[in-house]
């Protein structure tokens, strides 16, 4: 019976870590796409503020209940929210600067081409 419980616990951990990997990969890919495109059009800064706030709370909660899958997942989601929020702020700043000059700014990846 002990082996069965260990197998169930192992499979539970595998499912948790795999799901965490997929979630973080998906969000990371979206933030990378947004950064590469040079635009954050249609992306609200409030999305990232909400994600940062929720991720801090969920990370603390996960630490308190000692769930390491969620500690790692929520800490990485917090990091992605911070990066995503910084990308949005960078894009908005560039948009304001180019609007002030009356010039449309090229995407960030094309600036050095």
PDB file of N, CA and C in Angstrom:
ATOM      1  N   UNK A   1       0.821  -1.206   0.000  1.00  0.00           N
ATOM      2  CA  UNK A   1       0.000   0.000   0.000  1.00  0.00           C
ATOM      3  C   UNK A   1       0.865   1.270   0.000  1.00  0.00           C
ATOM      4  N   UNK A   2       1.989   1.224   0.676  1.00  0.00           N
ATOM      5  CA  UNK A   2       2.872   2.381   0.749  1.00  0.00           C
ATOM      6  C   UNK A   2       3.384   2.768  -0.641  1.00  0.00           C
ATOM      7  N   UNK A   3       3.695   1.785  -1.488  1.00  0.00           N
ATOM      8  CA  UNK A   3       4.172   2.062  -2.841  1.00  0.00           C
ATOM      9  C   UNK A   3       3.085   2.761  -3.644  1.00  0.00           C
ATOM     10  N   UNK A   4       1.843   2.351  -3.497  1.00  0.00           N
ATOM     11  CA  UNK A   4       0.726   2.966  -4.219  1.00  0.00           C
ATOM     12  C   UNK A   4       0.576   4.432  -3.842  1.00  0.00           C
ATOM     13  N   UNK A   5       0.657   4.723  -2.545  1.00  0.00           N
ATOM     14  CA  UNK A   5       0.548   6.112  -2.094  1.00  0.00           C
ATOM     15  C   UNK A   5       1.700   6.927  -2.671  1.00  0.00           C
ATOM     16  N   UNK A   6       2.908   6.392  -2.670  1.00  0.00           N
ATOM     17  CA  UNK A   6       4.055   7.101  -3.211  1.00  0.00           C
ATOM     18  C   UNK A   6       3.892   7.341  -4.703  1.00  0.00           C
ATOM     19  N   UNK A   7       3.353   6.357  -5.433  1.00  0.00           N
ATOM     20  CA  UNK A   7       3.112   6.516  -6.867  1.00  0.00           C
ATOM     21  C   UNK A   7       2.065   7.597  -7.103  1.00  0.00           C
ATOM     22  N   UNK A   8       1.013   7.594  -6.313  1.00  0.00           N
ATOM     23  CA  UNK A   8      -0.031   8.624  -6.443  1.00  0.00           C
ATOM     24  C   UNK A   8       0.546  10.008  -6.137  1.00  0.00           C
ATOM     25  N   UNK A   9       1.353  10.107  -5.081  1.00  0.00           N
ATOM     26  CA  UNK A   9       1.972  11.384  -4.737  1.00  0.00           C
ATOM     27  C   UNK A   9       2.903  11.847  -5.858  1.00  0.00           C
ATOM     28  N   UNK A  10       3.679  10.910  -6.413  1.00  0.00           N
ATOM     29  CA  UNK A  10       4.584  11.236  -7.504  1.00  0.00           C
ATOM     30  C   UNK A  10       3.811  11.753  -8.710  1.00  0.00           C
ATOM     31  N   UNK A  11       2.741  11.056  -9.091  1.00  0.00           N
ATOM     32  CA  UNK A  11       1.939  11.468 -10.248  1.00  0.00           C
ATOM     33  C   UNK A  11       1.272  12.825 -10.002  1.00  0.00           C
ATOM     34  N   UNK A  12       0.851  13.058  -8.773  1.00  0.00           N
ATOM     35  CA  UNK A  12       0.271  14.357  -8.422  1.00  0.00           C
ATOM     36  C   UNK A  12       1.298  15.464  -8.629  1.00  0.00           C
ATOM     37  N   UNK A  13       2.525  15.241  -8.181  1.00  0.00           N
ATOM     38  CA  UNK A  13       3.598  16.216  -8.365  1.00  0.00           C
ATOM     39  C   UNK A  13       3.917  16.419  -9.849  1.00  0.00           C
ATOM     40  N   UNK A  14       3.965  15.336 -10.623  1.00  0.00           N
ATOM     41  CA  UNK A  14       4.238  15.431 -12.059  1.00  0.00           C
ATOM     42  C   UNK A  14       3.175  16.287 -12.738  1.00  0.00           C
ATOM     43  N   UNK A  15       1.917  16.046 -12.423  1.00  0.00           N
ATOM     44  CA  UNK A  15       0.820  16.833 -13.007  1.00  0.00           C
ATOM     45  C   UNK A  15       0.972  18.304 -12.623  1.00  0.00           C
ATOM     46  N   UNK A  16       1.271  18.563 -11.363  1.00  0.00           N
ATOM     47  CA  UNK A  16       1.434  19.948 -10.899  1.00  0.00           C
ATOM     48  C   UNK A  16       2.584  20.664 -11.582  1.00  0.00           C
ATOM     49  N   UNK A  17       3.749  20.018 -11.639  1.00  0.00           N
ATOM     50  CA  UNK A  17       4.915  20.651 -12.261  1.00  0.00           C
ATOM     51  C   UNK A  17       4.730  20.809 -13.763  1.00  0.00           C
ATOM     52  N   UNK A  18       4.117  19.831 -14.417  1.00  0.00           N
ATOM     53  CA  UNK A  18       3.870  19.941 -15.859  1.00  0.00           C
ATOM     54  C   UNK A  18       2.923  21.097 -16.150  1.00  0.00           C
ATOM     55  N   UNK A  19       1.862  21.203 -15.367  1.00  0.00           N
ATOM     56  CA  UNK A  19       0.897  22.296 -15.551  1.00  0.00           C
ATOM     57  C   UNK A  19       1.549  23.643 -15.299  1.00  0.00           C
ATOM     58  N   UNK A  20       2.393  23.707 -14.290  1.00  0.00           N
ATOM     59  CA  UNK A  20       3.120  24.935 -13.992  1.00  0.00           C
ATOM     60  C   UNK A  20       4.000  25.330 -15.167  1.00  0.00           C
ATOM     61  N   UNK A  21       4.717  24.363 -15.720  1.00  0.00           N
ATOM     62  CA  UNK A  21       5.593  24.606 -16.859  1.00  0.00           C
ATOM     63  C   UNK A  21       4.809  25.171 -18.045  1.00  0.00           C
ATOM     64  N   UNK A  22       3.671  24.568 -18.360  1.00  0.00           N
ATOM     65  CA  UNK A  22       2.841  25.009 -19.491  1.00  0.00           C
ATOM     66  C   UNK A  22       2.336  26.437 -19.260  1.00  0.00           C
ATOM     67  N   UNK A  23       1.853  26.724 -18.058  1.00  0.00           N
ATOM     68  CA  UNK A  23       1.334  28.059 -17.749  1.00  0.00           C
ATOM     69  C   UNK A  23       2.429  29.119 -17.880  1.00  0.00           C
ATOM     70  N   UNK A  24       3.572  28.873 -17.266  1.00  0.00           N
ATOM     71  CA  UNK A  24       4.656  29.851 -17.299  1.00  0.00           C
ATOM     72  C   UNK A  24       5.187  30.016 -18.726  1.00  0.00           C
ATOM     73  N   UNK A  25       5.305  28.925 -19.464  1.00  0.00           N
ATOM     74  CA  UNK A  25       5.752  28.982 -20.851  1.00  0.00           C
ATOM     75  C   UNK A  25       4.784  29.807 -21.701  1.00  0.00           C
ATOM     76  N   UNK A  26       3.492  29.598 -21.519  1.00  0.00           N
ATOM     77  CA  UNK A  26       2.472  30.325 -22.284  1.00  0.00           C
ATOM     78  C   UNK A  26       2.523  31.823 -22.002  1.00  0.00           C
ATOM     79  N   UNK A  27       2.564  32.194 -20.739  1.00  0.00           N
ATOM     80  CA  UNK A  27       2.612  33.610 -20.371  1.00  0.00           C
ATOM     81  C   UNK A  27       3.944  34.225 -20.822  1.00  0.00           C
ATOM     82  N   UNK A  28       5.027  33.498 -20.631  1.00  0.00           N
ATOM     83  CA  UNK A  28       6.333  33.987 -21.068  1.00  0.00           C
ATOM     84  C   UNK A  28       6.379  34.229 -22.567  1.00  0.00           C
ATOM     85  N   UNK A  29       5.788  33.330 -23.331  1.00  0.00           N
ATOM     86  CA  UNK A  29       5.748  33.485 -24.789  1.00  0.00           C
ATOM     87  C   UNK A  29       4.968  34.743 -25.176  1.00  0.00           C
ATOM     88  N   UNK A  30       3.863  35.001 -24.482  1.00  0.00           N
ATOM     89  CA  UNK A  30       3.053  36.180 -24.777  1.00  0.00           C
ATOM     90  C   UNK A  30       3.820  37.462 -24.468  1.00  0.00           C
ATOM     91  N   UNK A  31       4.509  37.505 -23.339  1.00  0.00           N
ATOM     92  CA  UNK A  31       5.293  38.691 -22.977  1.00  0.00           C
ATOM     93  C   UNK A  31       6.419  38.886 -23.993  1.00  0.00           C
ATOM     94  N   UNK A  32       7.063  37.803 -24.400  1.00  0.00           N
ATOM     95  CA  UNK A  32       8.139  37.887 -25.398  1.00  0.00           C
ATOM     96  C   UNK A  32       7.598  38.407 -26.728  1.00  0.00           C
ATOM     97  N   UNK A  33       6.440  37.911 -27.146  1.00  0.00           N
ATOM     98  CA  UNK A  33       5.815  38.365 -28.399  1.00  0.00           C
ATOM     99  C   UNK A  33       5.514  39.859 -28.331  1.00  0.00           C
ATOM    100  N   UNK A  34       4.988  40.301 -27.210  1.00  0.00           N
ATOM    101  CA  UNK A  34       4.659  41.714 -27.009  1.00  0.00           C
ATOM    102  C   UNK A  34       5.933  42.554 -27.076  1.00  0.00           C
ATOM    103  N   UNK A  35       7.002  42.102 -26.453  1.00  0.00           N
ATOM    104  CA  UNK A  35       8.272  42.835 -26.463  1.00  0.00           C
ATOM    105  C   UNK A  35       8.843  42.887 -27.880  1.00  0.00           C
ATOM    106  N   UNK A  36       8.850  41.750 -28.579  1.00  0.00           N
ATOM    107  CA  UNK A  36       9.408  41.683 -29.930  1.00  0.00           C
ATOM    108  C   UNK A  36       8.626  42.541 -30.918  1.00  0.00           C
ATOM    109  N   UNK A  37       7.311  42.620 -30.746  1.00  0.00           N
ATOM    110  CA  UNK A  37       6.486  43.359 -31.694  1.00  0.00           C
ATOM    111  C   UNK A  37       6.714  44.867 -31.600  1.00  0.00           C
ATOM    112  N   UNK A  38       7.195  45.325 -30.449  1.00  0.00           N
ATOM    113  CA  UNK A  38       7.419  46.755 -30.272  1.00  0.00           C
ATOM    114  C   UNK A  38       6.147  47.517 -29.953  1.00  0.00           C
ATOM    115  N   UNK A  39       5.073  46.779 -29.681  1.00  0.00           N
ATOM    116  CA  UNK A  39       3.794  47.432 -29.403  1.00  0.00           C
ATOM    117  C   UNK A  39       3.064  46.705 -28.283  1.00  0.00           C
ATOM    118  N   UNK A  40       2.374  47.481 -27.477  1.00  0.00           N
ATOM    119  CA  UNK A  40       1.511  46.927 -26.433  1.00  0.00           C
ATOM    120  C   UNK A  40       0.081  47.393 -26.651  1.00  0.00           C
ATOM    121  N   UNK A  41      -0.252  47.618 -27.908  1.00  0.00           N
ATOM    122  CA  UNK A  41      -1.586  48.099 -28.240  1.00  0.00           C
ATOM    123  C   UNK A  41      -2.643  47.133 -27.730  1.00  0.00           C
ATOM    124  N   UNK A  42      -3.620  47.676 -27.035  1.00  0.00           N
ATOM    125  CA  UNK A  42      -4.714  46.881 -26.514  1.00  0.00           C
ATOM    126  C   UNK A  42      -4.406  46.166 -25.206  1.00  0.00           C
ATOM    127  N   UNK A  43      -3.196  46.338 -24.678  1.00  0.00           N
ATOM    128  CA  UNK A  43      -2.819  45.693 -23.423  1.00  0.00           C
ATOM    129  C   UNK A  43      -2.917  46.728 -22.313  1.00  0.00           C
ATOM    130  N   UNK A  44      -3.695  46.412 -21.297  1.00  0.00           N
ATOM    131  CA  UNK A  44      -3.895  47.334 -20.193  1.00  0.00           C
ATOM    132  C   UNK A  44      -2.789  47.188 -19.158  1.00  0.00           C
ATOM    133  N   UNK A  45      -2.292  48.320 -18.672  1.00  0.00           N
ATOM    134  CA  UNK A  45      -1.308  48.263 -17.587  1.00  0.00           C
ATOM    135  C   UNK A  45      -1.954  47.690 -16.327  1.00  0.00           C
ATOM    136  N   UNK A  46      -3.267  47.808 -16.215  1.00  0.00           N
ATOM    137  CA  UNK A  46      -3.992  47.283 -15.055  1.00  0.00           C
ATOM    138  C   UNK A  46      -3.967  45.755 -15.022  1.00  0.00           C
ATOM    139  N   UNK A  47      -3.865  45.127 -16.188  1.00  0.00           N
ATOM    140  CA  UNK A  47      -3.735  43.675 -16.247  1.00  0.00           C
ATOM    141  C   UNK A  47      -2.497  43.245 -15.466  1.00  0.00           C
ATOM    142  N   UNK A  48      -1.383  43.909 -15.709  1.00  0.00           N
ATOM    143  CA  UNK A  48      -0.138  43.538 -15.050  1.00  0.00           C
ATOM    144  C   UNK A  48      -0.135  43.951 -13.578  1.00  0.00           C
ATOM    145  N   UNK A  49      -0.739  45.082 -13.257  1.00  0.00           N
ATOM    146  CA  UNK A  49      -0.840  45.483 -11.858  1.00  0.00           C
ATOM    147  C   UNK A  49      -1.658  44.458 -11.076  1.00  0.00           C
ATOM    148  N   UNK A  50      -2.763  44.022 -11.659  1.00  0.00           N
ATOM    149  CA  UNK A  50      -3.586  42.987 -11.022  1.00  0.00           C
ATOM    150  C   UNK A  50      -2.838  41.673 -10.898  1.00  0.00           C
ATOM    151  N   UNK A  51      -2.108  41.294 -11.955  1.00  0.00           N
ATOM    152  CA  UNK A  51      -1.353  40.044 -11.920  1.00  0.00           C
ATOM    153  C   UNK A  51      -0.238  40.111 -10.875  1.00  0.00           C
ATOM    154  N   UNK A  52       0.423  41.249 -10.771  1.00  0.00           N
ATOM    155  CA  UNK A  52       1.479  41.408  -9.763  1.00  0.00           C
ATOM    156  C   UNK A  52       0.897  41.255  -8.367  1.00  0.00           C
ATOM    157  N   UNK A  53      -0.203  41.945  -8.108  1.00  0.00           N
ATOM    158  CA  UNK A  53      -0.836  41.888  -6.793  1.00  0.00           C
ATOM    159  C   UNK A  53      -1.292  40.472  -6.459  1.00  0.00           C
ATOM    160  N   UNK A  54      -1.978  39.822  -7.398  1.00  0.00           N
ATOM    161  CA  UNK A  54      -2.453  38.462  -7.168  1.00  0.00           C
ATOM    162  C   UNK A  54      -1.285  37.490  -6.997  1.00  0.00           C
ATOM    163  N   UNK A  55      -0.247  37.647  -7.799  1.00  0.00           N
ATOM    164  CA  UNK A  55       0.904  36.736  -7.719  1.00  0.00           C
ATOM    165  C   UNK A  55       1.642  36.869  -6.392  1.00  0.00           C
ATOM    166  N   UNK A  56       1.739  38.073  -5.870  1.00  0.00           N
ATOM    167  CA  UNK A  56       2.351  38.256  -4.546  1.00  0.00           C
ATOM    168  C   UNK A  56       1.527  37.516  -3.498  1.00  0.00           C
ATOM    169  N   UNK A  57       0.223  37.722  -3.538  1.00  0.00           N
ATOM    170  CA  UNK A  57      -0.657  37.050  -2.576  1.00  0.00           C
ATOM    171  C   UNK A  57      -0.612  35.537  -2.704  1.00  0.00           C
ATOM    172  N   UNK A  58      -0.681  35.034  -3.928  1.00  0.00           N
ATOM    173  CA  UNK A  58      -0.642  33.586  -4.140  1.00  0.00           C
ATOM    174  C   UNK A  58       0.716  32.988  -3.772  1.00  0.00           C
ATOM    175  N   UNK A  59       1.796  33.726  -4.005  1.00  0.00           N
ATOM    176  CA  UNK A  59       3.121  33.215  -3.625  1.00  0.00           C
ATOM    177  C   UNK A  59       3.222  33.107  -2.111  1.00  0.00           C
ATOM    178  N   UNK A  60       2.787  34.148  -1.415  1.00  0.00           N
ATOM    179  CA  UNK A  60       2.808  34.102   0.057  1.00  0.00           C
ATOM    180  C   UNK A  60       1.925  32.976   0.579  1.00  0.00           C
ATOM    181  N   UNK A  61       0.738  32.841   0.025  1.00  0.00           N
ATOM    182  CA  UNK A  61      -0.173  31.767   0.430  1.00  0.00           C
ATOM    183  C   UNK A  61       0.470  30.400   0.195  1.00  0.00           C
ATOM    184  N   UNK A  62       1.083  30.227  -0.972  1.00  0.00           N
ATOM    185  CA  UNK A  62       1.709  28.951  -1.312  1.00  0.00           C
ATOM    186  C   UNK A  62       2.854  28.614  -0.363  1.00  0.00           C
ATOM    187  N   UNK A  63       3.606  29.631   0.050  1.00  0.00           N
ATOM    188  CA  UNK A  63       4.668  29.412   1.041  1.00  0.00           C
ATOM    189  C   UNK A  63       4.059  28.964   2.362  1.00  0.00           C
ATOM    190  N   UNK A  64       2.993  29.645   2.776  1.00  0.00           N
ATOM    191  CA  UNK A  64       2.357  29.317   4.062  1.00  0.00           C
ATOM    192  C   UNK A  64       1.783  27.910   4.093  1.00  0.00           C
ATOM    193  N   UNK A  65       1.248  27.435   2.972  1.00  0.00           N
ATOM    194  CA  UNK A  65       0.689  26.067   2.942  1.00  0.00           C
ATOM    195  C   UNK A  65       1.733  25.057   2.472  1.00  0.00           C
ATOM    196  N   UNK A  66       2.944  25.543   2.202  1.00  0.00           N
ATOM    197  CA  UNK A  66       4.083  24.704   1.803  1.00  0.00           C
ATOM    198  C   UNK A  66       3.803  23.890   0.543  1.00  0.00           C
ATOM    199  N   UNK A  67       3.257  24.564  -0.458  1.00  0.00           N
ATOM    200  CA  UNK A  67       3.017  23.910  -1.746  1.00  0.00           C
ATOM    201  C   UNK A  67       4.040  24.456  -2.726  1.00  0.00           C
ATOM    202  N   UNK A  68       5.117  23.694  -2.941  1.00  0.00           N
ATOM    203  CA  UNK A  68       6.251  24.192  -3.698  1.00  0.00           C
ATOM    204  C   UNK A  68       5.960  24.333  -5.187  1.00  0.00           C
ATOM    205  N   UNK A  69       5.045  23.543  -5.724  1.00  0.00           N
ATOM    206  CA  UNK A  69       4.651  23.726  -7.129  1.00  0.00           C
ATOM    207  C   UNK A  69       4.088  25.134  -7.299  1.00  0.00           C
ATOM    208  N   UNK A  70       3.211  25.522  -6.386  1.00  0.00           N
ATOM    209  CA  UNK A  70       2.589  26.835  -6.503  1.00  0.00           C
ATOM    210  C   UNK A  70       3.518  27.965  -6.082  1.00  0.00           C
ATOM    211  N   UNK A  71       4.443  27.708  -5.166  1.00  0.00           N
ATOM    212  CA  UNK A  71       5.429  28.739  -4.819  1.00  0.00           C
ATOM    213  C   UNK A  71       6.224  29.111  -6.069  1.00  0.00           C
ATOM    214  N   UNK A  72       6.758  28.105  -6.752  1.00  0.00           N
ATOM    215  CA  UNK A  72       7.560  28.352  -7.945  1.00  0.00           C
ATOM    216  C   UNK A  72       6.713  28.966  -9.054  1.00  0.00           C
ATOM    217  N   UNK A  73       5.530  28.377  -9.302  1.00  0.00           N
ATOM    218  CA  UNK A  73       4.659  28.880 -10.367  1.00  0.00           C
ATOM    219  C   UNK A  73       4.290  30.336 -10.130  1.00  0.00           C
ATOM    220  N   UNK A  74       3.839  30.656  -8.933  1.00  0.00           N
ATOM    221  CA  UNK A  74       3.395  32.026  -8.647  1.00  0.00           C
ATOM    222  C   UNK A  74       4.556  33.010  -8.613  1.00  0.00           C
ATOM    223  N   UNK A  75       5.725  32.568  -8.179  1.00  0.00           N
ATOM    224  CA  UNK A  75       6.897  33.454  -8.216  1.00  0.00           C
ATOM    225  C   UNK A  75       7.280  33.749  -9.664  1.00  0.00           C
ATOM    226  N   UNK A  76       7.225  32.735 -10.539  1.00  0.00           N
ATOM    227  CA  UNK A  76       7.532  32.966 -11.958  1.00  0.00           C
ATOM    228  C   UNK A  76       6.448  33.813 -12.626  1.00  0.00           C
ATOM    229  N   UNK A  77       5.194  33.636 -12.226  1.00  0.00           N
ATOM    230  CA  UNK A  77       4.117  34.477 -12.754  1.00  0.00           C
ATOM    231  C   UNK A  77       4.304  35.931 -12.299  1.00  0.00           C
ATOM    232  N   UNK A  78       4.781  36.110 -11.076  1.00  0.00           N
ATOM    233  CA  UNK A  78       5.084  37.458 -10.590  1.00  0.00           C
ATOM    234  C   UNK A  78       6.187  38.081 -11.437  1.00  0.00           C
ATOM    235  N   UNK A  79       7.227  37.327 -11.699  1.00  0.00           N
ATOM    236  CA  UNK A  79       8.317  37.823 -12.536  1.00  0.00           C
ATOM    237  C   UNK A  79       7.820  38.176 -13.937  1.00  0.00           C
ATOM    238  N   UNK A  80       6.977  37.328 -14.519  1.00  0.00           N
ATOM    239  CA  UNK A  80       6.458  37.620 -15.866  1.00  0.00           C
ATOM    240  C   UNK A  80       5.562  38.854 -15.854  1.00  0.00           C
ATOM    241  N   UNK A  81       4.811  39.055 -14.782  1.00  0.00           N
ATOM    242  CA  UNK A  81       3.960  40.244 -14.684  1.00  0.00           C
ATOM    243  C   UNK A  81       4.798  41.511 -14.592  1.00  0.00           C
ATOM    244  N   UNK A  82       5.879  41.438 -13.842  1.00  0.00           N
ATOM    245  CA  UNK A  82       6.765  42.602 -13.725  1.00  0.00           C
ATOM    246  C   UNK A  82       7.390  42.923 -15.074  1.00  0.00           C
ATOM    247  N   UNK A  83       7.905  41.902 -15.752  1.00  0.00           N
ATOM    248  CA  UNK A  83       8.516  42.114 -17.070  1.00  0.00           C
ATOM    249  C   UNK A  83       7.470  42.631 -18.055  1.00  0.00           C
ATOM    250  N   UNK A  84       6.300  42.000 -18.082  1.00  0.00           N
ATOM    251  CA  UNK A  84       5.233  42.437 -18.992  1.00  0.00           C
ATOM    252  C   UNK A  84       4.813  43.871 -18.724  1.00  0.00           C
ATOM    253  N   UNK A  85       4.693  44.221 -17.456  1.00  0.00           N
ATOM    254  CA  UNK A  85       4.343  45.599 -17.102  1.00  0.00           C
ATOM    255  C   UNK A  85       5.402  46.595 -17.534  1.00  0.00           C
ATOM    256  N   UNK A  86       6.667  46.223 -17.381  1.00  0.00           N
ATOM    257  CA  UNK A  86       7.753  47.104 -17.827  1.00  0.00           C
ATOM    258  C   UNK A  86       7.752  47.266 -19.341  1.00  0.00           C
ATOM    259  N   UNK A  87       7.427  46.200 -20.062  1.00  0.00           N
ATOM    260  CA  UNK A  87       7.344  46.282 -21.529  1.00  0.00           C
ATOM    261  C   UNK A  87       6.228  47.245 -21.931  1.00  0.00           C
ATOM    262  N   UNK A  88       5.071  47.131 -21.281  1.00  0.00           N
ATOM    263  CA  UNK A  88       3.957  48.040 -21.581  1.00  0.00           C
ATOM    264  C   UNK A  88       4.372  49.484 -21.313  1.00  0.00           C
ATOM    265  N   UNK A  89       4.998  49.736 -20.169  1.00  0.00           N
ATOM    266  CA  UNK A  89       5.420  51.107 -19.850  1.00  0.00           C
ATOM    267  C   UNK A  89       6.428  51.627 -20.867  1.00  0.00           C
ATOM    268  N   UNK A  90       7.371  50.782 -21.278  1.00  0.00           N
ATOM    269  CA  UNK A  90       8.365  51.178 -22.289  1.00  0.00           C
ATOM    270  C   UNK A  90       7.683  51.539 -23.603  1.00  0.00           C
ATOM    271  N   UNK A  91       6.746  50.706 -24.036  1.00  0.00           N
ATOM    272  CA  UNK A  91       6.041  50.968 -25.290  1.00  0.00           C
ATOM    273  C   UNK A  91       5.211  52.248 -25.197  1.00  0.00           C
ATOM    274  N   UNK A  92       4.540  52.454 -24.081  1.00  0.00           N
ATOM    275  CA  UNK A  92       3.719  53.660 -23.922  1.00  0.00           C
ATOM    276  C   UNK A  92       4.587  54.906 -23.918  1.00  0.00           C
ATOM    277  N   UNK A  93       5.743  54.830 -23.279  1.00  0.00           N
ATOM    278  CA  UNK A  93       6.661  55.965 -23.262  1.00  0.00           C
ATOM    279  C   UNK A  93       7.133  56.288 -24.677  1.00  0.00           C
ATOM    280  N   UNK A  94       7.486  55.262 -25.435  1.00  0.00           N
ATOM    281  CA  UNK A  94       7.935  55.457 -26.821  1.00  0.00           C
ATOM    282  C   UNK A  94       6.806  56.039 -27.669  1.00  0.00           C
ATOM    283  N   UNK A  95       5.576  55.588 -27.450  1.00  0.00           N
ATOM    284  CA  UNK A  95       4.426  56.121 -28.193  1.00  0.00           C
ATOM    285  C   UNK A  95       4.215  57.595 -27.882  1.00  0.00           C
ATOM    286  N   UNK A  96       4.341  57.978 -26.601  1.00  0.00           N
ATOM    287  CA  UNK A  96       4.175  59.388 -26.222  1.00  0.00           C
ATOM    288  C   UNK A  96       5.265  60.257 -26.844  1.00  0.00           C
ATOM    289  N   UNK A  97       6.513  59.745 -26.831  1.00  0.00           N
ATOM    290  CA  UNK A  97       7.619  60.506 -27.424  1.00  0.00           C
ATOM    291  C   UNK A  97       7.413  60.710 -28.915  1.00  0.00           C
ATOM    292  N   UNK A  98       7.015  59.651 -29.621  1.00  0.00           N
ATOM    293  CA  UNK A  98       6.836  59.776 -31.068  1.00  0.00           C
ATOM    294  C   UNK A  98       5.609  60.624 -31.389  1.00  0.00           C
ATOM    295  N   UNK A  99       4.570  60.576 -30.562  1.00  0.00           N
ATOM    296  CA  UNK A  99       3.388  61.415 -30.786  1.00  0.00           C
ATOM    297  C   UNK A  99       3.745  62.883 -30.587  1.00  0.00           C
ATOM    298  N   UNK A 100       4.639  63.161 -29.650  1.00  0.00           N
ATOM    299  CA  UNK A 100       5.088  64.533 -29.406  1.00  0.00           C
ATOM    300  C   UNK A 100       5.896  65.088 -30.562  1.00  0.00           C
ATOM    301  N   UNK A 101       6.561  64.210 -31.293  1.00  0.00           N
ATOM    302  CA  UNK A 101       7.352  64.632 -32.452  1.00  0.00           C
ATOM    303  C   UNK A 101       6.550  64.534 -33.740  1.00  0.00           C
ATOM    304  N   UNK A 102       5.370  63.926 -33.648  1.00  0.00           N
ATOM    305  CA  UNK A 102       4.541  63.767 -34.840  1.00  0.00           C
ATOM    306  C   UNK A 102       5.071  62.683 -35.760  1.00  0.00           C
ATOM    307  N   UNK A 103       5.832  61.746 -35.214  1.00  0.00           N
ATOM    308  CA  UNK A 103       6.442  60.688 -36.002  1.00  0.00           C
ATOM    309  C   UNK A 103       5.984  59.344 -35.448  1.00  0.00           C
ATOM    310  N   UNK A 104       5.679  58.436 -36.328  1.00  0.00           N
ATOM    311  CA  UNK A 104       5.331  57.094 -35.883  1.00  0.00           C
ATOM    312  C   UNK A 104       6.620  56.347 -35.619  1.00  0.00           C
ATOM    313  N   UNK A 105       6.720  55.723 -34.409  1.00  0.00           N
ATOM    314  CA  UNK A 105       7.957  55.026 -34.085  1.00  0.00           C
ATOM    315  C   UNK A 105       7.954  53.629 -34.661  1.00  0.00           C
ATOM    316  N   UNK A 106       9.129  53.161 -35.131  1.00  0.00           N
ATOM    317  CA  UNK A 106       9.222  51.809 -35.669  1.00  0.00           C
ATOM    318  C   UNK A 106       9.193  50.810 -34.509  1.00  0.00           C
ATOM    319  N   UNK A 107       8.873  49.549 -34.789  1.00  0.00           N
ATOM    320  CA  UNK A 107       8.922  48.532 -33.736  1.00  0.00           C
ATOM    321  C   UNK A 107      10.328  48.467 -33.146  1.00  0.00           C
ATOM    322  N   UNK A 108      10.412  48.092 -31.871  1.00  0.00           N
ATOM    323  CA  UNK A 108      11.706  48.086 -31.171  1.00  0.00           C
ATOM    324  C   UNK A 108      12.721  47.201 -31.857  1.00  0.00           C
ATOM    325  N   UNK A 109      12.298  46.072 -32.411  1.00  0.00           N
ATOM    326  CA  UNK A 109      13.261  45.168 -33.037  1.00  0.00           C
ATOM    327  C   UNK A 109      13.772  45.712 -34.386  1.00  0.00           C
ATOM    328  N   UNK A 110      13.097  46.679 -34.967  1.00  0.00           N
ATOM    329  CA  UNK A 110      13.521  47.249 -36.247  1.00  0.00           C
ATOM    330  C   UNK A 110      14.403  48.485 -36.072  1.00  0.00           C
ATOM    331  N   UNK A 111      14.552  48.966 -34.825  1.00  0.00           N
ATOM    332  CA  UNK A 111      15.284  50.191 -34.586  1.00  0.00           C
ATOM    333  C   UNK A 111      16.754  50.088 -34.962  1.00  0.00           C
ATOM    334  N   UNK A 112      17.323  48.891 -34.850  1.00  0.00           N
ATOM    335  CA  UNK A 112      18.745  48.729 -35.142  1.00  0.00           C
ATOM    336  C   UNK A 112      18.987  48.050 -36.484  1.00  0.00           C
ATOM    337  N   UNK A 113      17.954  47.864 -37.263  1.00  0.00           N
ATOM    338  CA  UNK A 113      18.103  47.159 -38.545  1.00  0.00           C
ATOM    339  C   UNK A 113      18.718  48.051 -39.599  1.00  0.00           C
TER     340      UNK A 113
END
